[in-house]
Protein backbone atom coordinates (compact mmCIF):
# COMPACT_ATOMS: atom_id res chain seq x y z
CA MET A 1 -27.78 67.32 -34.43
CA ASN A 2 -25.69 65.42 -37.01
CA ARG A 3 -23.96 67.11 -39.90
CA PRO A 4 -26.37 66.04 -42.68
CA SER A 5 -29.40 67.12 -40.61
CA LEU A 6 -27.79 70.46 -39.77
CA VAL A 7 -26.90 71.18 -43.39
CA PHE A 8 -30.34 70.01 -44.49
CA THR A 9 -32.09 72.35 -42.01
CA PHE A 10 -29.98 75.27 -43.16
CA PHE A 11 -30.64 74.41 -46.79
CA CYS A 12 -34.44 74.33 -46.26
CA CYS A 13 -34.37 77.59 -44.31
CA SER A 14 -32.47 79.26 -47.13
CA ILE A 15 -35.31 78.34 -49.49
CA LEU A 16 -38.10 79.38 -47.12
CA PHE A 17 -36.75 82.66 -45.78
CA THR A 18 -34.70 84.10 -48.63
CA SER A 19 -35.45 85.08 -52.17
CA VAL A 20 -33.39 82.18 -53.62
CA SER A 21 -35.19 80.82 -56.70
CA LEU A 22 -35.21 77.25 -58.00
CA ALA A 23 -33.04 78.48 -60.85
CA ASP A 24 -30.26 79.01 -58.28
CA PHE A 25 -30.42 75.38 -57.12
CA ASN A 26 -26.90 73.93 -57.26
CA THR A 27 -26.94 70.24 -58.23
CA GLU A 28 -23.25 69.73 -57.44
CA ASP A 29 -23.59 71.10 -53.91
CA MET A 30 -26.58 68.84 -53.25
CA ARG A 31 -24.76 65.85 -54.78
CA ALA A 32 -21.81 66.41 -52.43
CA PHE A 33 -24.11 66.85 -49.44
CA LEU A 34 -26.05 63.63 -50.12
CA LEU A 35 -22.88 61.66 -50.84
CA ASP A 36 -21.29 62.84 -47.61
CA GLY A 37 -24.25 61.75 -45.51
CA TYR A 38 -24.71 58.41 -47.27
CA THR A 39 -21.01 57.49 -47.15
CA GLY A 40 -20.96 57.97 -43.38
CA ALA A 41 -23.85 55.54 -42.91
CA LYS A 42 -22.40 53.02 -45.38
CA SER A 43 -19.06 52.92 -43.56
CA LEU A 44 -20.73 51.42 -40.45
CA PHE A 45 -21.10 48.08 -42.25
CA GLU A 46 -17.33 47.89 -42.76
CA ASP A 47 -16.86 46.86 -39.12
CA ALA A 48 -19.94 45.04 -37.89
CA ARG A 49 -21.57 41.72 -37.06
CA ILE A 50 -25.11 41.50 -38.42
CA ARG A 51 -27.79 38.83 -38.16
CA ILE A 52 -30.52 38.96 -40.82
CA VAL A 53 -33.79 37.16 -41.54
CA THR A 54 -35.28 37.17 -45.05
CA LYS A 55 -38.79 36.13 -46.03
CA SER A 56 -39.37 35.61 -49.74
CA TRP A 57 -42.49 34.99 -51.82
CA HIS A 58 -42.94 34.01 -55.48
CA ASP A 59 -46.05 34.06 -57.62
CA LEU A 60 -46.27 30.35 -58.44
CA GLU A 61 -48.75 30.82 -61.29
CA TRP A 62 -46.54 33.37 -63.02
CA PHE A 63 -43.41 31.18 -62.74
CA ARG A 64 -45.43 28.18 -63.93
CA SER A 65 -46.46 30.13 -67.04
CA ILE A 66 -42.84 31.11 -67.72
CA ASP A 67 -41.08 27.81 -67.01
CA PRO A 68 -43.02 24.67 -66.01
CA SER A 69 -39.84 22.92 -64.87
CA LEU A 70 -39.06 25.79 -62.51
CA ALA A 71 -42.62 25.75 -61.20
CA LYS A 72 -42.18 22.12 -60.12
CA GLY A 73 -39.53 23.22 -57.66
CA LEU A 74 -41.69 26.08 -56.44
CA ASP A 75 -44.70 23.79 -55.97
CA SER A 76 -42.99 22.20 -52.98
CA GLN A 77 -42.80 25.54 -51.24
CA ASN A 78 -45.35 26.74 -48.73
CA GLN A 79 -47.47 28.90 -51.06
CA GLY A 80 -44.27 30.24 -52.57
CA ILE A 81 -42.97 31.45 -49.18
CA GLU A 82 -39.46 30.69 -47.93
CA TYR A 83 -37.36 31.86 -44.97
CA SER A 84 -33.59 32.18 -44.78
CA CYS A 85 -31.29 33.44 -42.03
CA TYR A 86 -27.64 34.39 -42.18
CA GLN A 87 -24.90 36.10 -40.22
CA TYR A 88 -22.54 38.61 -41.82
CA ILE A 89 -19.26 39.78 -40.26
CA SER A 90 -16.97 42.45 -41.69
CA LYS A 91 -13.73 43.96 -40.41
CA ASN A 92 -10.62 45.43 -42.06
CA ASN A 93 -11.93 44.68 -45.58
CA LYS A 94 -12.54 41.02 -44.70
CA GLU A 95 -15.98 39.39 -44.78
CA ARG A 96 -17.74 36.20 -43.77
CA TYR A 97 -21.26 35.19 -44.76
CA ALA A 98 -22.76 32.13 -43.04
CA GLY A 99 -26.29 30.81 -43.45
CA TYR A 100 -27.82 29.20 -40.37
CA TYR A 101 -31.42 28.47 -41.39
CA GLY A 102 -33.45 27.84 -44.51
CA GLY A 103 -36.99 26.50 -44.78
CA TYR A 104 -40.60 27.04 -45.74
CA VAL A 105 -41.79 27.94 -42.23
CA GLU A 106 -40.69 30.74 -39.95
CA PRO A 107 -37.83 29.55 -37.70
CA THR A 108 -38.41 29.12 -33.98
CA ALA A 109 -36.10 30.54 -31.32
CA GLU A 110 -34.70 27.03 -30.77
CA GLN A 111 -33.96 26.57 -34.47
CA ILE A 112 -32.19 29.93 -34.63
CA LYS A 113 -30.09 29.09 -31.57
CA ALA A 114 -29.15 25.69 -33.00
CA GLY A 115 -28.35 27.21 -36.40
CA LEU A 116 -26.05 29.84 -34.92
CA ALA A 117 -24.22 27.13 -32.97
CA ARG A 118 -23.51 25.25 -36.22
CA ILE A 119 -21.68 28.18 -37.84
CA GLY A 120 -18.07 27.20 -38.40
CA THR A 121 -18.77 23.45 -38.34
CA ALA A 122 -19.00 20.86 -41.11
CA GLU A 123 -22.80 21.32 -41.14
CA SER A 124 -22.78 25.04 -41.91
CA ALA A 125 -22.30 26.60 -45.35
CA PHE A 126 -20.27 29.81 -45.51
CA ARG A 127 -18.33 32.20 -47.71
CA ILE A 128 -15.17 34.07 -46.71
CA CYS A 129 -13.43 36.90 -48.56
CA ASN A 130 -10.19 38.11 -46.94
CA ASN A 131 -8.40 40.42 -49.41
CA GLN A 132 -6.38 37.56 -50.95
CA CYS A 133 -8.66 34.56 -51.30
CA PHE A 134 -12.32 33.67 -51.59
CA LEU A 135 -13.41 30.41 -49.95
CA GLU A 136 -16.90 28.97 -50.36
CA TYR A 137 -17.91 25.87 -48.42
CA TYR A 138 -21.26 24.13 -48.65
CA THR A 139 -22.54 20.93 -47.12
CA THR A 140 -23.69 17.95 -49.13
CA LYS A 141 -26.01 16.55 -46.50
CA GLY A 142 -29.14 15.30 -48.25
CA SER A 143 -27.77 15.98 -51.75
CA ARG A 144 -26.94 13.50 -54.51
CA ASP A 145 -23.23 14.29 -54.37
CA THR A 146 -21.64 10.87 -53.82
CA THR A 147 -18.03 12.08 -53.96
CA THR A 148 -18.07 13.29 -50.38
CA GLN A 149 -20.18 12.76 -47.27
CA ILE A 150 -18.76 15.91 -45.66
CA GLY A 151 -18.95 18.89 -47.99
CA ARG A 152 -17.40 20.68 -50.94
CA ALA A 153 -15.41 23.89 -51.17
CA VAL A 154 -14.13 26.26 -53.84
CA LEU A 155 -10.99 28.31 -53.30
CA LYS A 156 -10.12 31.14 -55.68
CA ARG A 157 -8.73 34.64 -55.84
CA SER A 158 -10.75 37.46 -54.33
CA GLU A 159 -12.67 39.36 -56.97
CA LYS A 160 -15.49 41.46 -55.49
CA PRO A 161 -16.57 42.02 -51.89
CA LEU A 162 -19.29 39.65 -50.73
CA ILE A 163 -21.57 42.56 -49.92
CA ASP A 164 -21.51 43.55 -53.61
CA THR A 165 -22.48 40.08 -54.86
CA GLY A 166 -25.69 39.52 -52.92
CA PHE A 167 -24.06 37.63 -50.05
CA GLY A 168 -24.26 40.35 -47.45
CA PRO A 169 -26.49 43.14 -46.15
CA GLY A 170 -26.30 45.25 -49.30
CA GLU A 171 -30.09 45.76 -49.34
CA PHE A 172 -29.80 47.70 -46.09
CA LEU A 173 -27.50 50.15 -47.86
CA GLY A 174 -29.84 50.58 -50.81
CA LEU A 175 -28.19 48.04 -53.11
CA ALA A 176 -30.53 47.48 -56.06
CA ASP A 177 -29.61 45.62 -59.23
CA SER A 178 -25.89 45.76 -58.31
CA LYS A 179 -25.99 49.56 -57.88
CA TYR A 180 -25.61 51.50 -54.61
CA PRO A 181 -26.94 55.04 -54.05
CA ASP A 182 -23.39 56.42 -54.29
CA ASP A 183 -23.13 54.85 -57.76
CA ILE A 184 -26.22 56.79 -58.80
CA LEU A 185 -25.01 59.98 -57.11
CA SER A 186 -21.67 59.70 -58.92
CA SER A 187 -23.29 59.48 -62.36
CA SER A 188 -22.44 62.24 -64.81
CA GLU A 189 -26.11 62.16 -65.86
CA LEU A 190 -27.49 62.61 -62.34
CA HIS A 191 -30.69 64.61 -61.99
CA ILE A 192 -31.86 65.97 -58.61
CA GLU A 193 -35.32 67.42 -58.15
CA PRO A 194 -34.89 70.76 -56.33
CA ASN A 195 -38.20 70.44 -54.45
CA PRO A 196 -38.08 67.94 -51.53
CA GLU A 197 -40.88 65.35 -51.18
CA GLN A 198 -42.54 63.84 -48.11
CA ILE A 199 -42.47 60.02 -48.00
CA ASN A 200 -43.71 58.20 -44.92
CA GLY A 201 -43.33 61.38 -42.91
CA LEU A 202 -39.72 61.99 -43.96
CA LEU A 203 -38.33 64.77 -46.14
CA THR A 204 -36.56 63.28 -49.15
CA TYR A 205 -34.79 64.38 -52.29
CA LYS A 206 -35.59 62.56 -55.50
CA VAL A 207 -32.48 61.68 -57.52
CA SER A 208 -32.30 59.71 -60.77
CA ALA A 209 -29.87 58.58 -63.42
CA PRO A 210 -29.73 56.19 -66.39
CA MET A 211 -27.57 53.11 -65.80
CA LYS A 212 -27.06 49.66 -67.32
CA LEU A 213 -27.93 46.19 -66.08
CA GLY A 214 -25.48 44.17 -68.08
CA THR A 215 -26.14 45.54 -71.55
CA SER A 216 -29.73 46.64 -70.89
CA PRO A 217 -30.33 50.35 -70.25
CA VAL A 218 -32.47 51.09 -67.17
CA HIS A 219 -33.39 54.15 -65.12
CA PHE A 220 -32.84 54.36 -61.36
CA THR A 221 -34.86 56.69 -59.14
CA LEU A 222 -34.09 57.09 -55.43
CA TRP A 223 -35.66 59.15 -52.65
CA LEU A 224 -32.87 59.98 -50.17
CA SER A 225 -33.63 61.43 -46.76
CA PRO A 226 -31.19 63.78 -45.01
CA GLU A 227 -33.20 63.06 -41.84
CA ARG A 228 -32.02 59.43 -42.03
CA SER A 229 -28.30 59.78 -42.86
CA CYS A 230 -29.16 60.34 -46.55
CA LEU A 231 -30.19 56.69 -46.87
CA PRO A 232 -32.87 55.79 -49.42
CA VAL A 233 -36.49 55.64 -48.30
CA ARG A 234 -37.61 54.28 -51.67
CA ILE A 235 -35.91 53.00 -54.83
CA GLU A 236 -37.44 52.19 -58.22
CA THR A 237 -35.93 50.67 -61.36
CA HIS A 238 -37.60 51.19 -64.73
CA THR A 239 -36.85 49.93 -68.21
CA GLN A 240 -36.12 52.32 -71.03
CA ASP A 241 -39.80 52.35 -72.04
CA GLY A 242 -40.91 53.26 -68.51
CA SER A 243 -42.01 49.84 -67.20
CA ARG A 244 -41.25 49.33 -63.52
CA ILE A 245 -39.28 46.13 -62.90
CA ARG A 246 -38.18 46.51 -59.26
CA SER A 247 -38.84 48.60 -56.17
CA LEU A 248 -37.45 48.77 -52.65
CA GLU A 249 -39.15 50.55 -49.77
CA VAL A 250 -37.89 50.98 -46.24
CA LYS A 251 -40.30 49.89 -43.50
CA GLU A 252 -38.19 50.84 -40.49
CA PHE A 253 -35.02 52.77 -39.62
CA GLU A 254 -32.95 52.43 -36.46
CA LYS A 255 -30.63 54.98 -34.86
CA VAL A 256 -27.37 53.19 -33.95
CA LYS A 257 -25.37 56.28 -33.04
CA PRO A 258 -26.40 59.78 -31.93
CA ASP A 259 -25.84 61.08 -35.47
CA THR A 260 -26.27 57.96 -37.63
CA TRP A 261 -29.17 55.77 -38.78
CA ILE A 262 -29.34 52.39 -40.49
CA ILE A 263 -32.11 50.65 -42.42
CA LYS A 264 -33.60 47.98 -40.15
CA GLU A 265 -36.24 46.53 -42.48
CA ILE A 266 -36.70 46.87 -46.22
CA VAL A 267 -39.03 45.20 -48.75
CA GLN A 268 -38.01 44.47 -52.31
CA LYS A 269 -40.60 43.75 -55.01
CA ASP A 270 -40.04 42.43 -58.53
CA TYR A 271 -42.54 43.04 -61.32
CA ASP A 272 -43.41 41.24 -64.53
CA PRO A 273 -40.86 42.56 -67.06
CA ARG A 274 -43.34 41.82 -69.85
CA ALA A 275 -46.02 44.11 -68.41
CA ASP A 276 -46.33 47.78 -69.32
CA SER A 277 -46.00 50.61 -66.82
CA SER A 278 -49.75 50.75 -66.22
CA THR A 279 -49.99 47.19 -64.79
CA SER A 280 -46.78 46.50 -62.77
CA LYS A 281 -47.80 42.96 -61.84
CA GLU A 282 -45.89 41.85 -58.75
CA ILE A 283 -44.24 38.43 -59.20
CA ALA A 284 -41.83 38.19 -56.24
CA ARG A 285 -41.18 39.85 -52.91
CA TRP A 286 -38.37 39.79 -50.34
CA SER A 287 -38.60 41.20 -46.83
CA HIS A 288 -35.18 41.73 -45.23
CA ARG A 289 -34.90 42.49 -41.52
CA ILE A 290 -31.90 43.01 -39.24
CA GLU A 291 -32.45 41.02 -36.06
CA GLU A 292 -29.18 42.04 -34.43
CA ILE A 293 -26.30 44.38 -35.23
CA VAL A 294 -23.06 44.79 -33.27
CA LEU A 295 -20.76 47.59 -34.39
CA GLU A 296 -16.99 47.13 -34.09
CA PRO A 297 -17.29 43.53 -32.82
CA ASP A 298 -14.42 41.99 -30.88
CA ILE A 299 -13.47 38.97 -32.98
CA ASP A 300 -10.43 36.83 -33.76
CA GLU A 301 -9.84 37.74 -37.40
CA GLN A 302 -7.45 34.84 -38.02
CA VAL A 303 -10.19 32.38 -37.08
CA VAL A 304 -13.26 34.12 -38.50
CA PHE A 305 -11.70 34.95 -41.88
CA ASP A 306 -9.49 31.87 -42.34
CA THR A 307 -9.49 30.65 -45.96
CA ARG A 308 -6.91 27.85 -45.59
CA PRO A 309 -8.41 24.61 -46.98
CA ASP A 310 -6.50 22.56 -44.38
CA ASN A 311 -8.81 23.94 -41.72
CA LEU A 312 -11.95 22.71 -43.44
CA PRO A 313 -13.60 19.53 -42.12
CA ARG A 314 -11.52 16.44 -42.88
CA GLY A 315 -12.91 14.63 -45.90
CA ALA A 316 -14.27 17.74 -47.65
CA VAL A 317 -13.51 17.96 -51.37
CA VAL A 318 -11.76 21.18 -52.43
CA GLN A 319 -11.74 22.62 -55.94
CA ASP A 320 -8.65 24.81 -55.77
CA MET A 321 -8.87 27.27 -58.66
CA ILE A 322 -5.64 28.98 -57.56
CA SER A 323 -3.48 25.88 -58.07
CA GLY A 324 -5.78 24.17 -60.55
CA LEU A 325 -6.06 21.07 -58.36
CA GLU A 326 -8.88 19.18 -56.70
CA TYR A 327 -8.12 17.40 -53.46
CA VAL A 328 -9.58 16.02 -50.24
CA VAL A 329 -8.88 17.73 -46.93
CA GLY A 330 -6.63 15.45 -44.86
CA GLU A 331 -5.55 13.42 -47.88
CA GLY A 332 -3.66 16.01 -49.86
CA PRO A 333 -4.44 17.22 -53.39
CA VAL A 334 -6.08 14.47 -55.42
CA SER A 335 -6.13 15.16 -59.16
CA SER A 336 -5.77 11.70 -60.69
CA GLU A 337 -7.29 12.53 -64.07
CA THR A 338 -5.03 15.53 -64.55
CA ILE A 339 -1.99 13.56 -63.45
CA ASP A 340 -2.78 10.74 -65.86
CA ASN A 341 -3.17 13.14 -68.76
CA ILE A 342 0.15 14.83 -67.99
CA LEU A 343 1.98 11.53 -67.74
CA GLU A 344 0.40 10.13 -70.90
CA ARG A 345 1.47 13.16 -72.91
CA ALA A 346 4.97 13.10 -71.42
CA ILE A 347 5.81 9.47 -72.11
CA ASP A 348 3.54 8.67 -75.03
CA ASP A 349 6.51 8.19 -77.39
CA THR A 350 8.35 5.83 -75.01
CA GLY A 351 5.79 3.06 -75.46
CA ILE A 352 5.12 2.74 -71.72
CA LYS A 353 1.43 2.41 -70.91
CA VAL A 354 0.39 4.52 -67.93
CA GLY A 355 -1.73 2.72 -65.35
CA GLN A 356 -4.59 4.22 -63.39
CA ALA A 357 -3.59 6.47 -60.51
CA SER A 358 -4.39 5.01 -57.14
CA ASN A 359 -6.81 6.95 -54.92
CA THR A 360 -6.04 4.70 -51.95
CA THR A 361 -4.19 6.21 -49.06
CA ALA A 362 -2.07 4.50 -46.46
CA ASP A 363 -3.07 4.35 -42.81
CA ASN A 364 -0.10 6.47 -41.87
CA ASN A 365 -0.82 10.18 -42.40
CA ASP A 366 2.75 10.72 -43.52
CA THR A 367 2.13 8.69 -46.67
CA GLU A 368 -1.29 10.01 -47.60
CA GLY A 369 -1.80 11.69 -50.94
CA ALA A 370 -2.13 11.02 -54.64
CA MET A 371 -0.01 8.02 -55.63
CA LEU A 372 2.05 7.41 -58.76
CA PRO A 373 0.39 5.26 -61.45
CA ASP A 374 1.10 1.56 -60.91
CA LYS A 375 3.38 1.01 -63.94
CA VAL A 376 5.53 4.03 -63.19
CA ALA A 377 5.67 3.17 -59.51
CA GLN A 378 7.06 -0.28 -60.35
CA SER A 379 9.74 1.29 -62.54
CA THR A 380 10.89 3.61 -59.78
CA GLY A 381 10.71 0.97 -57.10
CA ASN A 382 8.86 3.39 -54.80
CA ALA A 383 5.14 2.61 -54.78
CA ASN A 384 4.44 5.07 -51.97
CA LYS A 385 6.00 8.15 -53.56
CA GLU A 386 3.68 11.14 -53.40
CA LEU A 387 3.02 13.62 -56.16
CA PHE A 388 1.84 16.29 -53.74
CA SER A 389 2.08 17.11 -50.07
CA ASN A 390 -0.34 15.25 -47.80
CA LYS A 391 -1.23 18.56 -46.13
CA GLY A 392 -2.47 20.28 -49.25
CA ILE A 393 -1.13 23.64 -50.32
CA ASN A 394 0.20 25.70 -47.43
CA ALA A 395 2.19 28.29 -49.37
CA GLU A 396 1.12 31.87 -49.80
CA PRO A 397 -1.56 32.32 -52.51
CA GLY A 398 0.94 33.90 -54.89
CA ASP A 399 3.25 30.88 -54.56
CA MET A 400 0.64 28.19 -55.11
CA PRO A 401 0.53 28.02 -58.91
CA ALA A 402 4.32 28.20 -59.29
CA SER A 403 5.07 25.48 -56.71
CA GLY A 404 2.46 23.17 -58.24
CA ILE A 405 3.88 23.67 -61.71
CA HIS A 406 7.44 22.96 -60.52
CA ARG A 407 6.39 19.69 -58.90
CA THR A 408 4.50 18.64 -62.02
CA TRP A 409 7.47 19.23 -64.31
CA LEU A 410 9.74 17.28 -61.95
CA VAL A 411 7.35 14.34 -62.26
CA ILE A 412 7.27 14.65 -66.05
CA ALA A 413 11.07 14.83 -66.26
CA GLY A 414 11.43 11.81 -64.00
CA VAL A 415 8.99 9.71 -66.01
CA VAL A 416 10.57 10.66 -69.34
CA LEU A 417 14.00 9.69 -67.93
CA VAL A 418 12.66 6.29 -66.81
CA GLY A 419 11.21 5.71 -70.27
CA LEU A 420 14.48 6.54 -72.01
CA LEU A 421 16.44 4.24 -69.70
CA LEU A 422 14.05 1.38 -70.48
CA LEU A 423 14.44 1.93 -74.23
CA ILE A 424 18.25 2.01 -73.97
CA THR A 425 18.30 -1.13 -71.80
CA LYS A 426 15.99 -2.93 -74.26
CA ARG A 427 18.23 -2.03 -77.22
CA PHE A 428 21.45 -3.31 -75.59
CA ILE A 429 19.93 -6.51 -74.20
CA PHE A 430 18.04 -7.56 -77.33
């Protein structure tokens, strides 16, 4: 018997066979007990490979009444139903989220197999968070993006774990409205009902606490079961006036270790926020199900969690928010507009007109990259001089901004010097 179940059995027996009254109920002891059990289950997802299928539904009439333009997009859906599949991998505080199917009909086994095979290729969108950087890549196939036929990517500093931002299996840990059960249990305003309740055949403890969604005050209520690793069996979110706006209910648990359970399937429902507590009109529903889970997977972390833009498909456009540049993989950083602006400001007083930066690259890879503006290139006598490395930014994340700034100032200094020389030459000759 696992620790939470053993403690729970002892706790119940102490109520049934002793003269302990409800007045003697110790909230802090129960808080610690529930936190201990829940934390053990939550830690499993820190080293796992998980494959998930989500089925969503939206009330088309309700969305049409709220926003007709939004309803036009929903009209193309199959009665408001949509399917999405993704794979989530986590190890050593690194994460990767990769979608492999999305559509209005349930995927077949062949579609799932083909989708999984595309993960890690130019045709598969993904997000990676590896302690230092966050890299998001998405395909542009079928979109109106004419700047690339391959895909686009965003590189920036890591901020929050993927699992906390909706791109991960947070629902299976009781994540609701950006709050986990341990957030509720850690509240200074936590309330625990001393009498356990039966829900779907499981003994649960009802816990609640006021929290905030942004600036809006809400009230969270959870039913945690010590018989299922203190995971939630049900969660409800209410507004300050008592109107229910969201609920989550577990449909199935799975035992993955002799003493530990996980949530295998959970259903989330959203309700009309305009309705009062007596109506609770359902407007959207998501059914999340784990199709496969592998604990402590054997993976190559350097490959799975690689955030280097150079390893993206050649031709993909990268918005590098660490260096402040935008460039094309295989062609080096391309930031013509920024370069032009810098040069114009630097030599505005010299009277030299800056030409348009060339986006053409030579056939030889050694000379690929953003080129100097035509007028300046003629002055230097080196039309193939690069502003940035043809391999993009390979330095450590902390070095990227500094190295980019140093190169930029060298360019500015060089251009200003050329301008001054031209002015001096003009004065002596004429």
